[in-house]
Amino acid sequence: MQTRFHIRKNDHVLVLSGKDKGKTGVILEMLPHKRRATVEGIHMIKRHTRPSPQAPQGGIVEREGTINIANLKLICPSCDTPARTKRSTVEKEIGGRTKTYHARVCRKCGESAERD
């Protein structure tokens, strides 16, 4: 069964707790089985890499670490504020047919939080 979360890849989010509390960024990668996400510029960690044919120099590389999704809050694209979301049924007409699907909706402004 597919797990559904309040955030998705490419969403703009706010960090709620941890050393980067209050910072915002875009989700680069979701790890649903671990309930973690990689956010651009958040939780920077240092990786010590061994020299290899691809990177003959080796050395210390700084990159984004993962953060628990419970510590992230979606920033609504329409009202541009951090907001909780709910799921609601939306009907959309495509090519003469009506398609019903569930969409994330901002609880503050009531607008869809989906990327079109």
C-alpha atoms as a PDB file:
ATOM      1  CA  MET A   1       0.000   0.000   0.000  1.00  0.00           C
ATOM      2  CA  GLN A   2       1.285   3.443  -0.906  1.00  0.00           C
ATOM      3  CA  THR A   3       1.852   5.811   2.009  1.00  0.00           C
ATOM      4  CA  ARG A   4       0.453   9.328   1.610  1.00  0.00           C
ATOM      5  CA  PHE A   5       2.039  12.314   3.276  1.00  0.00           C
ATOM      6  CA  HIS A   6       1.146  15.985   3.668  1.00  0.00           C
ATOM      7  CA  ILE A   7       4.228  16.937   1.622  1.00  0.00           C
ATOM      8  CA  ARG A   8       5.666  15.794  -1.713  1.00  0.00           C
ATOM      9  CA  LYS A   9       8.794  16.229  -3.796  1.00  0.00           C
ATOM     10  CA  ASN A  10       9.309  19.830  -5.064  1.00  0.00           C
ATOM     11  CA  ASP A  11       7.075  21.299  -2.312  1.00  0.00           C
ATOM     12  CA  HIS A  12       8.248  24.447  -0.507  1.00  0.00           C
ATOM     13  CA  VAL A  13       8.421  23.616   3.230  1.00  0.00           C
ATOM     14  CA  LEU A  14       9.237  25.178   6.615  1.00  0.00           C
ATOM     15  CA  VAL A  15      11.399  23.355   9.197  1.00  0.00           C
ATOM     16  CA  LEU A  16       9.562  23.183  12.547  1.00  0.00           C
ATOM     17  CA  SER A  17      12.288  21.837  14.838  1.00  0.00           C
ATOM     18  CA  GLY A  18      15.973  21.024  15.039  1.00  0.00           C
ATOM     19  CA  LYS A  19      19.097  23.047  14.357  1.00  0.00           C
ATOM     20  CA  ASP A  20      17.563  24.532  11.186  1.00  0.00           C
ATOM     21  CA  LYS A  21      14.259  25.575  12.815  1.00  0.00           C
ATOM     22  CA  GLY A  22      12.536  28.394  10.908  1.00  0.00           C
ATOM     23  CA  LYS A  23      14.428  27.849   7.636  1.00  0.00           C
ATOM     24  CA  THR A  24      12.617  27.107   4.383  1.00  0.00           C
ATOM     25  CA  GLY A  25      13.574  25.008   1.388  1.00  0.00           C
ATOM     26  CA  VAL A  26      12.379  22.781  -1.431  1.00  0.00           C
ATOM     27  CA  ILE A  27      12.080  19.008  -1.023  1.00  0.00           C
ATOM     28  CA  LEU A  28      14.652  17.289  -3.231  1.00  0.00           C
ATOM     29  CA  GLU A  29      13.931  13.658  -2.320  1.00  0.00           C
ATOM     30  CA  MET A  30      11.354  11.711  -0.315  1.00  0.00           C
ATOM     31  CA  LEU A  31      12.133   8.460   1.518  1.00  0.00           C
ATOM     32  CA  PRO A  32       8.616   7.181   2.381  1.00  0.00           C
ATOM     33  CA  HIS A  33       9.720   3.886   3.948  1.00  0.00           C
ATOM     34  CA  LYS A  34      11.863   5.863   6.432  1.00  0.00           C
ATOM     35  CA  ARG A  35       9.387   8.798   6.730  1.00  0.00           C
ATOM     36  CA  ARG A  36      12.224  11.202   5.920  1.00  0.00           C
ATOM     37  CA  ALA A  37      12.903  13.859   3.281  1.00  0.00           C
ATOM     38  CA  THR A  38      15.927  15.702   1.898  1.00  0.00           C
ATOM     39  CA  VAL A  39      15.405  19.474   1.844  1.00  0.00           C
ATOM     40  CA  GLU A  40      17.558  21.882  -0.170  1.00  0.00           C
ATOM     41  CA  GLY A  41      20.083  23.669   2.089  1.00  0.00           C
ATOM     42  CA  ILE A  42      18.772  22.084   5.318  1.00  0.00           C
ATOM     43  CA  HIS A  43      20.639  19.720   7.699  1.00  0.00           C
ATOM     44  CA  MET A  44      23.994  19.986   5.924  1.00  0.00           C
ATOM     45  CA  ILE A  45      26.312  17.081   6.801  1.00  0.00           C
ATOM     46  CA  LYS A  46      29.909  16.284   5.915  1.00  0.00           C
ATOM     47  CA  ARG A  47      30.733  13.055   4.103  1.00  0.00           C
ATOM     48  CA  HIS A  48      34.300  11.765   3.977  1.00  0.00           C
ATOM     49  CA  THR A  49      34.801  10.253   0.517  1.00  0.00           C
ATOM     50  CA  ARG A  50      37.552   7.899  -0.483  1.00  0.00           C
ATOM     51  CA  PRO A  51      39.401   8.563  -3.760  1.00  0.00           C
ATOM     52  CA  SER A  52      37.787   6.706  -6.681  1.00  0.00           C
ATOM     53  CA  PRO A  53      37.983   6.788 -10.486  1.00  0.00           C
ATOM     54  CA  GLN A  54      35.060   9.278 -10.564  1.00  0.00           C
ATOM     55  CA  ALA A  55      36.561  11.491  -7.817  1.00  0.00           C
ATOM     56  CA  PRO A  56      40.344  10.974  -7.768  1.00  0.00           C
ATOM     57  CA  GLN A  57      40.804  13.741  -5.190  1.00  0.00           C
ATOM     58  CA  GLY A  58      38.507  12.298  -2.495  1.00  0.00           C
ATOM     59  CA  GLY A  59      38.130  14.452   0.618  1.00  0.00           C
ATOM     60  CA  ILE A  60      35.276  15.952   2.610  1.00  0.00           C
ATOM     61  CA  VAL A  61      32.008  16.657   0.784  1.00  0.00           C
ATOM     62  CA  GLU A  62      29.173  18.693   2.322  1.00  0.00           C
ATOM     63  CA  ARG A  63      25.631  17.718   1.330  1.00  0.00           C
ATOM     64  CA  GLU A  64      22.041  17.705   2.615  1.00  0.00           C
ATOM     65  CA  GLY A  65      21.048  15.090   5.169  1.00  0.00           C
ATOM     66  CA  THR A  66      17.546  13.760   5.714  1.00  0.00           C
ATOM     67  CA  ILE A  67      14.987  15.176   8.129  1.00  0.00           C
ATOM     68  CA  ASN A  68      11.853  13.550   9.556  1.00  0.00           C
ATOM     69  CA  ILE A  69       8.721  14.656   7.698  1.00  0.00           C
ATOM     70  CA  ALA A  70       6.954  15.349  11.019  1.00  0.00           C
ATOM     71  CA  ASN A  71       9.351  18.305  11.380  1.00  0.00           C
ATOM     72  CA  LEU A  72       8.294  19.835   8.037  1.00  0.00           C
ATOM     73  CA  LYS A  73       5.268  22.000   7.251  1.00  0.00           C
ATOM     74  CA  LEU A  74       4.018  22.809   3.761  1.00  0.00           C
ATOM     75  CA  ILE A  75       4.105  26.452   2.673  1.00  0.00           C
ATOM     76  CA  CYS A  76       0.884  27.073   0.740  1.00  0.00           C
ATOM     77  CA  PRO A  77       1.643  28.211  -2.837  1.00  0.00           C
ATOM     78  CA  SER A  78      -1.391  30.527  -2.975  1.00  0.00           C
ATOM     79  CA  CYS A  79      -1.342  32.288   0.439  1.00  0.00           C
ATOM     80  CA  ASP A  80       2.458  31.846   0.907  1.00  0.00           C
ATOM     81  CA  THR A  81       2.170  30.940   4.612  1.00  0.00           C
ATOM     82  CA  PRO A  82       2.937  27.698   6.477  1.00  0.00           C
ATOM     83  CA  ALA A  83      -0.346  25.806   6.719  1.00  0.00           C
ATOM     84  CA  ARG A  84      -1.784  22.407   7.481  1.00  0.00           C
ATOM     85  CA  THR A  85      -3.521  20.599   4.659  1.00  0.00           C
ATOM     86  CA  LYS A  86      -6.593  18.452   4.315  1.00  0.00           C
ATOM     87  CA  ARG A  87      -7.700  16.115   1.562  1.00  0.00           C
ATOM     88  CA  SER A  88     -10.822  16.935  -0.389  1.00  0.00           C
ATOM     89  CA  THR A  89     -12.500  15.488  -3.459  1.00  0.00           C
ATOM     90  CA  VAL A  90     -12.067  17.561  -6.609  1.00  0.00           C
ATOM     91  CA  GLU A  91     -13.823  17.070  -9.940  1.00  0.00           C
ATOM     92  CA  LYS A  92     -11.974  18.129 -13.067  1.00  0.00           C
ATOM     93  CA  GLU A  93     -13.207  17.906 -16.650  1.00  0.00           C
ATOM     94  CA  ILE A  94     -10.612  16.587 -19.084  1.00  0.00           C
ATOM     95  CA  GLY A  95     -11.526  15.966 -22.715  1.00  0.00           C
ATOM     96  CA  GLY A  96     -15.265  15.851 -22.063  1.00  0.00           C
ATOM     97  CA  ARG A  97     -14.947  13.412 -19.155  1.00  0.00           C
ATOM     98  CA  THR A  98     -15.219  14.293 -15.494  1.00  0.00           C
ATOM     99  CA  LYS A  99     -12.371  12.951 -13.382  1.00  0.00           C
ATOM    100  CA  THR A 100     -12.682  12.752  -9.596  1.00  0.00           C
ATOM    101  CA  TYR A 101      -9.548  12.741  -7.464  1.00  0.00           C
ATOM    102  CA  HIS A 102      -8.336  13.714  -3.994  1.00  0.00           C
ATOM    103  CA  ALA A 103      -6.293  16.902  -3.686  1.00  0.00           C
ATOM    104  CA  ARG A 104      -4.444  18.611  -0.854  1.00  0.00           C
ATOM    105  CA  VAL A 105      -6.216  21.794   0.216  1.00  0.00           C
ATOM    106  CA  CYS A 106      -4.814  24.553   2.446  1.00  0.00           C
ATOM    107  CA  ARG A 107      -6.766  24.858   5.699  1.00  0.00           C
ATOM    108  CA  LYS A 108      -6.114  28.625   5.918  1.00  0.00           C
ATOM    109  CA  CYS A 109      -7.151  29.887   2.477  1.00  0.00           C
ATOM    110  CA  GLY A 110      -9.065  26.867   1.120  1.00  0.00           C
ATOM    111  CA  GLU A 111      -7.104  26.867  -2.159  1.00  0.00           C
ATOM    112  CA  SER A 112      -5.571  23.751  -3.694  1.00  0.00           C
ATOM    113  CA  ALA A 113      -1.989  23.077  -2.630  1.00  0.00           C
ATOM    114  CA  GLU A 114      -1.332  20.850  -5.656  1.00  0.00           C
ATOM    115  CA  ARG A 115       1.178  21.707  -8.355  1.00  0.00           C
ATOM    116  CA  ASP A 116      -0.531  21.958 -11.749  1.00  0.00           C
END
